[in-house]
Amino acid sequence: MKIKLDLHDIYNRGEELDRALRNVIDEAIEKKARLVEIIPGKGSGQLKKRVLRFLDQKEIKVLYHRVEKDSHNYGRVFVHFRPK
């Protein structure tokens, strides 16, 4: 199962962005999804950096297995979860 989060609509709303990221991580855990695709878009790269900083927080990092940056599409980030 894969869950997708497109950040194009909320890219400039900080709190809402963090809330959406946290919600998608929680949803993946609840539904036992193996993969979350986050689409920050290409743009200047600032949104992608913000997403990666969010995922790198200590309390968030323990919730997933690994992060993969799409080598073919700079505007996508994959968050992998281990099945439990």
Protein backbone atom coordinates (compact mmCIF):
# COMPACT_ATOMS: atom_id res chain seq x y z
CA MET A 1 0.00 0.00 0.00
CA LYS A 2 1.25 3.48 -0.90
CA ILE A 3 -0.01 6.80 0.45
CA LYS A 4 0.57 10.00 -1.51
CA LEU A 5 0.84 13.57 -0.18
CA ASP A 6 1.00 16.46 -2.65
CA LEU A 7 2.21 19.68 -1.01
CA HIS A 8 1.57 22.04 -3.95
CA ASP A 9 -1.55 23.56 -2.34
CA ILE A 10 -0.04 24.25 1.10
CA TYR A 11 3.59 24.98 0.28
CA ASN A 12 3.58 28.43 1.92
CA ARG A 13 1.63 27.64 5.10
CA GLY A 14 4.14 26.46 7.70
CA GLU A 15 1.94 25.03 10.45
CA GLU A 16 -0.43 23.41 7.98
CA LEU A 17 2.53 21.87 6.17
CA ASP A 18 3.92 20.32 9.37
CA ARG A 19 0.46 19.09 10.32
CA ALA A 20 -0.04 17.47 6.89
CA LEU A 21 3.35 15.74 7.09
CA ARG A 22 2.64 14.45 10.61
CA ASN A 23 -0.83 13.27 9.57
CA VAL A 24 0.48 11.31 6.59
CA ILE A 25 3.12 9.60 8.77
CA ASP A 26 0.45 8.72 11.35
CA GLU A 27 -1.89 7.47 8.60
CA ALA A 28 0.85 5.25 7.16
CA ILE A 29 1.49 3.71 10.57
CA GLU A 30 -2.22 3.22 11.26
CA LYS A 31 -2.89 1.61 7.86
CA LYS A 32 0.39 -0.32 7.91
CA ALA A 33 1.45 1.26 4.61
CA ARG A 34 4.91 0.38 3.37
CA LEU A 35 5.47 3.59 1.42
CA VAL A 36 4.55 7.28 1.56
CA GLU A 37 5.21 9.41 -1.51
CA ILE A 38 5.60 13.10 -0.67
CA ILE A 39 5.52 15.56 -3.56
CA PRO A 40 7.05 18.90 -2.65
CA GLY A 41 7.50 19.74 -6.34
CA LYS A 42 10.64 20.91 -8.10
CA GLY A 43 10.68 24.68 -7.62
CA SER A 44 13.64 26.18 -5.77
CA GLY A 45 14.12 23.12 -3.56
CA GLN A 46 13.24 24.95 -0.33
CA LEU A 47 10.07 22.95 0.27
CA LYS A 48 11.92 19.67 -0.26
CA LYS A 49 14.57 20.80 2.24
CA ARG A 50 11.83 21.61 4.74
CA VAL A 51 10.26 18.17 4.24
CA LEU A 52 13.63 16.47 4.76
CA ARG A 53 14.27 18.54 7.92
CA PHE A 54 10.84 17.51 9.23
CA LEU A 55 11.60 13.84 8.54
CA ASP A 56 14.99 14.17 10.22
CA GLN A 57 13.51 15.21 13.58
CA LYS A 58 14.36 12.71 16.31
CA GLU A 59 10.72 11.93 17.23
CA ILE A 60 9.73 11.46 13.58
CA LYS A 61 12.80 9.53 12.46
CA VAL A 62 12.01 6.61 14.79
CA LEU A 63 8.64 6.10 13.09
CA TYR A 64 9.92 5.07 9.65
CA HIS A 65 12.62 2.87 8.15
CA ARG A 66 14.31 5.11 5.55
CA VAL A 67 13.90 8.09 3.21
CA GLU A 68 14.64 7.88 -0.50
CA LYS A 69 15.01 10.86 -2.81
CA ASP A 70 13.71 10.01 -6.28
CA SER A 71 16.72 9.98 -8.60
CA HIS A 72 14.53 10.44 -11.70
CA ASN A 73 12.21 13.14 -10.36
CA TYR A 74 13.74 15.75 -8.06
CA GLY A 75 10.25 16.76 -6.84
CA ARG A 76 9.48 13.51 -5.01
CA VAL A 77 10.53 11.95 -1.71
CA PHE A 78 9.69 8.40 -0.63
CA VAL A 79 9.37 7.41 3.02
CA HIS A 80 9.66 3.65 3.55
CA PHE A 81 8.15 1.82 6.53
CA ARG A 82 8.92 -1.65 7.82
CA PRO A 83 5.96 -3.96 8.26
CA LYS A 84 5.27 -4.83 11.89
